């Protein structure tokens, strides 16, 4: 217990990282499904796609609220700086989330003649949210540099994150659907995997190129040797996913339909670990460490008590929701 109390900033940055990772994985796939929902012309297929995220999408966003809340109360000095630099993309992200929430309900309750308008709103809200989050990540990586080159890099990261969301969304549909829609999801996953591979290469090259601190952390010896398993394992998992998507799926009796989604989750975790290592111990890249930004020890102790209650409850609710609504998707209904 004394070790935890002596390292409370580390504990809270870990909790914030877990919250952001959970949000990226869970809301990532439903944003991806939202973007893909514009593609089918068949109304039944659209309904099944949106039904696949129906029980989860609003609860998934709870992890974002938790992550930002931890940033606010545990690292108040960094909170104002980070959100101040990200004001514009945050505005667009919130607008996108609002459009998604309204469109999700209204598309199912509106007259058939205007239902397609809500479909476009759901797609547009999902796309804007994804692009905004990617742009924020790019700005963070560059240390909130306002140079043109940094803005271009941030825009490219926004596209990369959107493609990653589409990939995990397509793999979610492979898991949750069957028949013709599942075959479409496999095709979408193939295309998005190609794009994701290009994006991983771009981010792996561009991130150390735009931030010398990261370059030193990754390519100095012996750190390079210790870290080499991360890109190596990531590459193997990408090859395995490609093998499944291009050559094997769907299997007889829908075996291994879950595997592409699980592989995407593992790859995302490895990428997140690499990114977290790149910036540690800074919470604002090369400018402010987690120790400089942290609240007082007494404040963090009180916050830890609250976190020890809320986090298990949130994990428990998430597990229960996914357990109850496991299996293949059925028709969306509000009856």
Protein backbone atom coordinates (compact mmCIF):
# COMPACT_ATOMS: atom_id res chain seq x y z
CA UNK A 1 0.00 0.00 0.00
CA UNK A 2 2.84 2.40 0.80
CA UNK A 3 4.30 1.82 -2.66
CA UNK A 4 0.98 2.89 -4.22
CA UNK A 5 0.73 5.99 -2.03
CA UNK A 6 4.29 7.01 -2.88
CA UNK A 7 3.58 6.70 -6.62
CA UNK A 8 0.08 8.10 -6.93
CA UNK A 9 0.83 10.14 -10.11
CA UNK A 10 1.92 6.88 -11.78
CA UNK A 11 -1.25 5.16 -10.58
CA UNK A 12 -3.51 7.86 -11.97
CA UNK A 13 -1.73 8.18 -15.30
CA UNK A 14 -2.11 4.40 -15.62
CA UNK A 15 -5.83 4.65 -14.82
CA UNK A 16 -6.23 7.47 -17.33
CA UNK A 17 -4.36 5.44 -19.94
CA UNK A 18 -6.57 2.39 -19.32
CA UNK A 19 -9.69 4.57 -19.64
CA UNK A 20 -8.54 6.08 -22.93
CA UNK A 21 -7.53 2.66 -24.25
CA UNK A 22 -10.90 1.17 -23.32
CA UNK A 23 -12.64 4.09 -25.00
CA UNK A 24 -10.56 3.75 -28.16
CA UNK A 25 -11.32 0.03 -28.40
CA UNK A 26 -15.00 0.08 -27.48
CA UNK A 27 -16.20 3.33 -29.02
CA UNK A 28 -13.71 2.75 -31.85
CA UNK A 29 -15.59 -0.22 -33.23
CA UNK A 30 -19.01 1.46 -33.00
CA UNK A 31 -17.64 4.58 -34.71
CA UNK A 32 -16.28 2.26 -37.39
CA UNK A 33 -19.68 0.59 -37.78
CA UNK A 34 -21.27 4.04 -38.00
CA UNK A 35 -18.95 4.99 -40.87
CA UNK A 36 -19.53 1.68 -42.66
CA UNK A 37 -23.31 1.93 -42.23
CA UNK A 38 -23.50 4.25 -45.24
CA UNK A 39 -22.31 1.53 -47.63
CA UNK A 40 -25.15 -1.03 -47.84
CA UNK A 41 -28.15 -0.08 -49.95
CA UNK A 42 -30.22 -2.78 -48.26
CA UNK A 43 -32.28 -1.31 -45.38
CA UNK A 44 -32.26 -4.58 -43.46
CA UNK A 45 -28.45 -4.71 -43.54
CA UNK A 46 -28.19 -1.13 -42.28
CA UNK A 47 -30.55 -1.95 -39.43
CA UNK A 48 -28.55 -5.03 -38.44
CA UNK A 49 -25.29 -3.08 -38.49
CA UNK A 50 -26.68 -0.43 -36.18
CA UNK A 51 -28.42 -3.06 -34.07
CA UNK A 52 -25.02 -4.69 -33.48
CA UNK A 53 -23.88 -1.64 -31.51
CA UNK A 54 -27.29 -0.72 -30.07
CA UNK A 55 -26.81 -2.09 -26.53
CA UNK A 56 -23.26 -0.75 -26.19
CA UNK A 57 -22.55 2.51 -28.00
CA UNK A 58 -23.66 5.04 -25.37
CA UNK A 59 -22.07 3.10 -22.49
CA UNK A 60 -18.79 2.90 -24.43
CA UNK A 61 -18.50 6.69 -24.24
CA UNK A 62 -18.43 6.49 -20.43
CA UNK A 63 -14.75 5.57 -20.67
CA UNK A 64 -14.01 8.89 -22.40
CA UNK A 65 -15.76 10.78 -19.62
CA UNK A 66 -13.74 8.86 -17.04
CA UNK A 67 -10.44 9.51 -18.80
CA UNK A 68 -11.06 13.25 -19.15
CA UNK A 69 -12.33 13.36 -15.56
CA UNK A 70 -9.10 11.81 -14.28
CA UNK A 71 -7.11 14.33 -16.31
CA UNK A 72 -9.12 17.16 -14.75
CA UNK A 73 -8.91 16.15 -11.11
CA UNK A 74 -5.58 14.30 -10.95
CA UNK A 75 -3.55 16.50 -13.34
CA UNK A 76 -5.22 19.94 -13.23
CA UNK A 77 -2.14 21.84 -14.45
CA UNK A 78 -2.07 19.75 -17.63
CA UNK A 79 -5.83 19.73 -18.11
CA UNK A 80 -6.11 23.40 -19.02
CA UNK A 81 -3.10 23.31 -21.33
CA UNK A 82 -4.19 20.18 -23.22
CA UNK A 83 -7.86 21.10 -23.64
CA UNK A 84 -6.92 24.67 -24.47
CA UNK A 85 -4.83 23.53 -27.44
CA UNK A 86 -7.50 21.02 -28.49
CA UNK A 87 -10.50 23.36 -28.23
CA UNK A 88 -11.46 23.32 -31.93
CA UNK A 89 -11.22 19.55 -32.58
CA UNK A 90 -13.01 18.88 -29.28
CA UNK A 91 -15.86 21.11 -30.46
CA UNK A 92 -16.18 19.12 -33.68
CA UNK A 93 -15.93 15.82 -31.78
CA UNK A 94 -18.75 16.78 -29.43
CA UNK A 95 -20.87 17.95 -32.36
CA UNK A 96 -20.28 14.59 -34.05
CA UNK A 97 -21.22 12.69 -30.89
CA UNK A 98 -24.43 14.70 -30.58
CA UNK A 99 -25.37 13.99 -34.21
CA UNK A 100 -24.73 10.28 -33.65
CA UNK A 101 -26.84 10.13 -30.52
CA UNK A 102 -29.81 11.95 -32.04
CA UNK A 103 -29.62 10.09 -35.35
CA UNK A 104 -29.42 6.69 -33.64
CA UNK A 105 -32.85 7.10 -32.06
CA UNK A 106 -34.56 9.21 -34.71
CA UNK A 107 -33.69 6.93 -37.64
CA UNK A 108 -35.71 4.12 -36.06
CA UNK A 109 -38.72 6.31 -35.24
CA UNK A 110 -38.95 8.60 -38.25
CA UNK A 111 -41.10 8.14 -41.35
CA UNK A 112 -39.58 5.91 -44.05
CA UNK A 113 -39.40 8.87 -46.47
CA UNK A 114 -36.86 10.74 -44.34
CA UNK A 115 -35.13 7.84 -42.62
CA UNK A 116 -32.20 8.04 -45.03
CA UNK A 117 -31.46 11.58 -43.78
CA UNK A 118 -30.85 10.22 -40.29
CA UNK A 119 -28.65 7.52 -41.81
CA UNK A 120 -26.49 10.26 -43.32
CA UNK A 121 -26.46 12.09 -39.97
CA UNK A 122 -25.32 8.93 -38.17
CA UNK A 123 -22.59 8.36 -40.74
CA UNK A 124 -21.52 12.02 -40.68
CA UNK A 125 -21.43 12.16 -36.89
CA UNK A 126 -19.33 9.00 -36.73
CA UNK A 127 -16.91 10.27 -39.39
CA UNK A 128 -16.49 13.73 -37.86
CA UNK A 129 -15.93 12.23 -34.40
CA UNK A 130 -13.27 9.84 -35.70
CA UNK A 131 -11.42 12.49 -37.70
CA UNK A 132 -11.50 14.91 -34.76
CA UNK A 133 -10.05 12.36 -32.36
CA UNK A 134 -7.29 11.50 -34.82
CA UNK A 135 -6.45 15.18 -35.30
CA UNK A 136 -6.23 15.62 -31.51
CA UNK A 137 -3.88 12.65 -31.29
CA UNK A 138 -1.69 14.13 -34.02
CA UNK A 139 -1.52 17.50 -32.25
CA UNK A 140 -0.59 15.74 -29.02
CA UNK A 141 2.19 13.75 -30.68
CA UNK A 142 3.72 16.92 -32.11
CA UNK A 143 3.60 18.62 -28.72
CA UNK A 144 0.87 21.05 -29.88
CA UNK A 145 3.23 22.54 -32.42
CA UNK A 146 1.35 25.02 -34.63
CA UNK A 147 3.67 24.77 -37.64
CA UNK A 148 2.14 23.83 -41.00
CA UNK A 149 4.08 20.55 -41.07
CA UNK A 150 2.61 19.59 -37.68
CA UNK A 151 -0.91 20.38 -38.87
CA UNK A 152 -0.40 18.23 -41.97
CA UNK A 153 0.92 15.40 -39.81
CA UNK A 154 -2.10 15.74 -37.49
CA UNK A 155 -4.46 15.58 -40.46
CA UNK A 156 -2.77 12.38 -41.66
CA UNK A 157 -3.11 10.89 -38.16
CA UNK A 158 -6.82 11.74 -38.24
CA UNK A 159 -7.19 9.68 -41.42
CA UNK A 160 -5.13 6.85 -39.94
CA UNK A 161 -7.22 6.64 -36.77
CA UNK A 162 -10.42 6.68 -38.83
CA UNK A 163 -9.15 3.76 -40.91
CA UNK A 164 -8.24 1.91 -37.70
CA UNK A 165 -11.80 2.46 -36.42
CA UNK A 166 -13.20 1.16 -39.71
CA UNK A 167 -11.03 -1.96 -39.41
CA UNK A 168 -12.13 -2.78 -35.88
CA UNK A 169 -15.73 -1.95 -36.83
CA UNK A 170 -15.62 -4.32 -39.80
CA UNK A 171 -14.13 -7.06 -37.63
CA UNK A 172 -16.87 -6.45 -35.05
CA UNK A 173 -19.44 -7.03 -37.80
CA UNK A 174 -17.70 -10.28 -38.79
CA UNK A 175 -18.15 -11.39 -35.19
CA UNK A 176 -21.77 -10.23 -34.78
CA UNK A 177 -23.34 -10.92 -38.19
CA UNK A 178 -23.77 -13.81 -40.61
CA UNK A 179 -24.65 -14.51 -44.22
CA UNK A 180 -24.39 -11.80 -46.86
CA UNK A 181 -23.70 -9.01 -44.39
CA UNK A 182 -20.81 -10.95 -42.87
CA UNK A 183 -19.32 -11.45 -46.34
CA UNK A 184 -19.56 -7.69 -46.90
CA UNK A 185 -17.85 -7.09 -43.54
CA UNK A 186 -15.00 -9.41 -44.54
CA UNK A 187 -14.53 -7.42 -47.74
CA UNK A 188 -14.53 -4.12 -45.84
CA UNK A 189 -12.04 -5.54 -43.35
CA UNK A 190 -9.69 -6.54 -46.18
CA UNK A 191 -9.63 -3.04 -47.64
CA UNK A 192 -9.29 -1.35 -44.26
CA UNK A 193 -6.48 -3.72 -43.23
CA UNK A 194 -4.45 -2.61 -46.25
CA UNK A 195 -5.04 1.00 -45.26
CA UNK A 196 -4.23 0.27 -41.62
CA UNK A 197 -0.89 -1.33 -42.54
CA UNK A 198 0.05 1.79 -44.49
CA UNK A 199 -1.04 3.94 -41.56
CA UNK A 200 0.99 1.94 -39.02
CA UNK A 201 4.04 2.40 -41.23
CA UNK A 202 3.33 6.13 -41.58
CA UNK A 203 2.87 6.66 -37.84
CA UNK A 204 5.93 4.53 -36.99
CA UNK A 205 8.08 6.66 -39.28
CA UNK A 206 6.41 10.02 -38.79
CA UNK A 207 6.16 10.05 -35.00
CA UNK A 208 9.92 9.83 -34.25
CA UNK A 209 10.58 12.09 -37.23
CA UNK A 210 8.40 14.86 -35.76
CA UNK A 211 9.59 14.43 -32.17
CA UNK A 212 13.31 14.01 -31.45
CA UNK A 213 12.61 12.95 -27.86
CA UNK A 214 10.66 9.93 -29.13
CA UNK A 215 13.39 9.15 -31.65
CA UNK A 216 15.96 8.99 -28.85
CA UNK A 217 13.77 6.79 -26.66
CA UNK A 218 13.18 4.21 -29.39
CA UNK A 219 16.43 4.09 -31.33
CA UNK A 220 19.09 4.47 -28.64
CA UNK A 221 20.78 1.31 -27.40
CA UNK A 222 19.90 -0.88 -25.55
CA UNK A 223 16.29 0.41 -25.62
CA UNK A 224 16.00 -0.51 -29.29
CA UNK A 225 16.68 -4.18 -28.48
CA UNK A 226 14.25 -4.26 -25.57
CA UNK A 227 11.47 -2.63 -27.62
CA UNK A 228 11.95 -4.62 -30.82
CA UNK A 229 9.42 -7.35 -29.78
CA UNK A 230 6.57 -4.78 -29.98
CA UNK A 231 6.82 -4.08 -33.74
CA UNK A 232 7.79 -7.71 -34.41
CA UNK A 233 4.73 -9.15 -32.65
CA UNK A 234 2.52 -6.48 -34.21
CA UNK A 235 3.75 -7.46 -37.67
CA UNK A 236 3.06 -11.15 -37.03
CA UNK A 237 -0.47 -10.42 -35.82
CA UNK A 238 -1.16 -8.28 -38.89
CA UNK A 239 0.02 -11.12 -41.13
CA UNK A 240 -2.23 -13.57 -39.29
CA UNK A 241 -5.20 -11.25 -39.68
CA UNK A 242 -4.47 -10.83 -43.37
CA UNK A 243 -4.25 -14.61 -43.77
CA UNK A 244 -7.67 -15.01 -42.14
CA UNK A 245 -9.39 -12.19 -44.02
CA UNK A 246 -8.00 -12.86 -47.49
CA UNK A 247 -7.72 -16.66 -47.52
CA UNK A 248 -9.79 -18.35 -44.82
CA UNK A 249 -12.91 -16.55 -43.63
CA UNK A 250 -15.70 -17.47 -43.38
CA UNK A 251 -15.06 -20.87 -41.82
CA UNK A 252 -17.60 -23.67 -41.70
CA UNK A 253 -20.17 -23.13 -38.90
CA UNK A 254 -18.75 -19.63 -38.42
CA UNK A 255 -15.72 -20.84 -36.49
CA UNK A 256 -13.07 -18.22 -35.63
CA UNK A 257 -15.35 -15.31 -36.56
CA UNK A 258 -14.18 -13.74 -33.30
CA UNK A 259 -10.48 -13.94 -34.12
CA UNK A 260 -10.03 -10.87 -36.40
CA UNK A 261 -11.66 -8.65 -33.77
CA UNK A 262 -9.48 -10.08 -30.98
CA UNK A 263 -6.36 -9.64 -33.13
CA UNK A 264 -7.30 -6.00 -33.75
CA UNK A 265 -7.69 -5.45 -30.01
CA UNK A 266 -4.26 -6.97 -29.26
CA UNK A 267 -2.60 -4.93 -32.02
CA UNK A 268 -4.24 -1.76 -30.69
CA UNK A 269 -2.99 -2.52 -27.17
CA UNK A 270 0.56 -3.01 -28.46
CA UNK A 271 0.39 0.29 -30.37
CA UNK A 272 -0.94 2.02 -27.26
CA UNK A 273 1.89 0.60 -25.13
CA UNK A 274 4.40 1.88 -27.67
CA UNK A 275 2.82 5.32 -27.68
CA UNK A 276 2.66 5.46 -23.87
CA UNK A 277 6.33 4.52 -23.63
CA UNK A 278 7.20 7.19 -26.18
CA UNK A 279 5.92 10.02 -23.98
CA UNK A 280 6.52 8.77 -20.45
CA UNK A 281 7.03 10.50 -18.02
CA UNK A 282 5.61 13.52 -19.85
CA UNK A 283 1.89 14.27 -19.83
CA UNK A 284 2.46 17.22 -22.14
CA UNK A 285 5.16 16.02 -24.55
CA UNK A 286 8.62 17.35 -23.59
CA UNK A 287 7.06 20.18 -21.55
CA UNK A 288 5.37 18.91 -18.38
CA UNK A 289 5.82 15.61 -16.54
CA UNK A 290 3.08 13.74 -14.71
CA UNK A 291 4.73 14.68 -11.41
CA UNK A 292 4.71 18.40 -12.22
CA UNK A 293 1.06 18.28 -13.30
CA UNK A 294 -0.29 16.09 -10.48
CA UNK A 295 -2.54 17.26 -7.67
CA UNK A 296 -1.34 17.13 -4.08
CA UNK A 297 -0.87 13.73 -2.46
CA UNK A 298 -3.80 14.24 -0.08
CA UNK A 299 -6.11 15.06 -3.00
CA UNK A 300 -4.94 12.02 -4.94
CA UNK A 301 -5.59 9.76 -1.92
CA UNK A 302 -9.22 10.91 -1.82
CA UNK A 303 -9.54 10.45 -5.58
CA UNK A 304 -8.07 6.96 -5.29
CA UNK A 305 -10.87 5.96 -2.93
CA UNK A 306 -13.44 7.08 -5.48
CA UNK A 307 -11.60 5.36 -8.32
CA UNK A 308 -11.41 2.09 -6.37
CA UNK A 309 -15.21 2.09 -6.30
CA UNK A 310 -16.10 3.46 -9.73
CA UNK A 311 -13.61 1.51 -11.84
CA UNK A 312 -14.65 -2.00 -10.69
CA UNK A 313 -18.28 -0.97 -11.16
CA UNK A 314 -17.58 0.25 -14.68
CA UNK A 315 -15.61 -2.88 -15.60
CA UNK A 316 -18.37 -5.04 -14.09
CA UNK A 317 -21.10 -3.24 -16.01
CA UNK A 318 -19.14 -3.47 -19.26
CA UNK A 319 -18.52 -7.18 -18.81
CA UNK A 320 -22.17 -7.82 -17.92
CA UNK A 321 -23.48 -5.87 -20.92
CA UNK A 322 -21.26 -7.73 -23.38
CA UNK A 323 -22.12 -11.05 -21.71
CA UNK A 324 -25.88 -10.49 -21.90
CA UNK A 325 -25.82 -9.27 -25.51
CA UNK A 326 -23.29 -11.77 -26.81
CA UNK A 327 -23.99 -13.82 -29.92
CA UNK A 328 -25.22 -12.84 -33.34
CA UNK A 329 -27.16 -9.63 -33.83
CA UNK A 330 -30.94 -9.61 -34.20
CA UNK A 331 -33.28 -7.01 -35.68
CA UNK A 332 -33.18 -3.59 -34.01
CA UNK A 333 -36.43 -2.94 -32.14
CA UNK A 334 -37.82 -0.23 -29.86
CA UNK A 335 -40.97 -2.15 -28.89
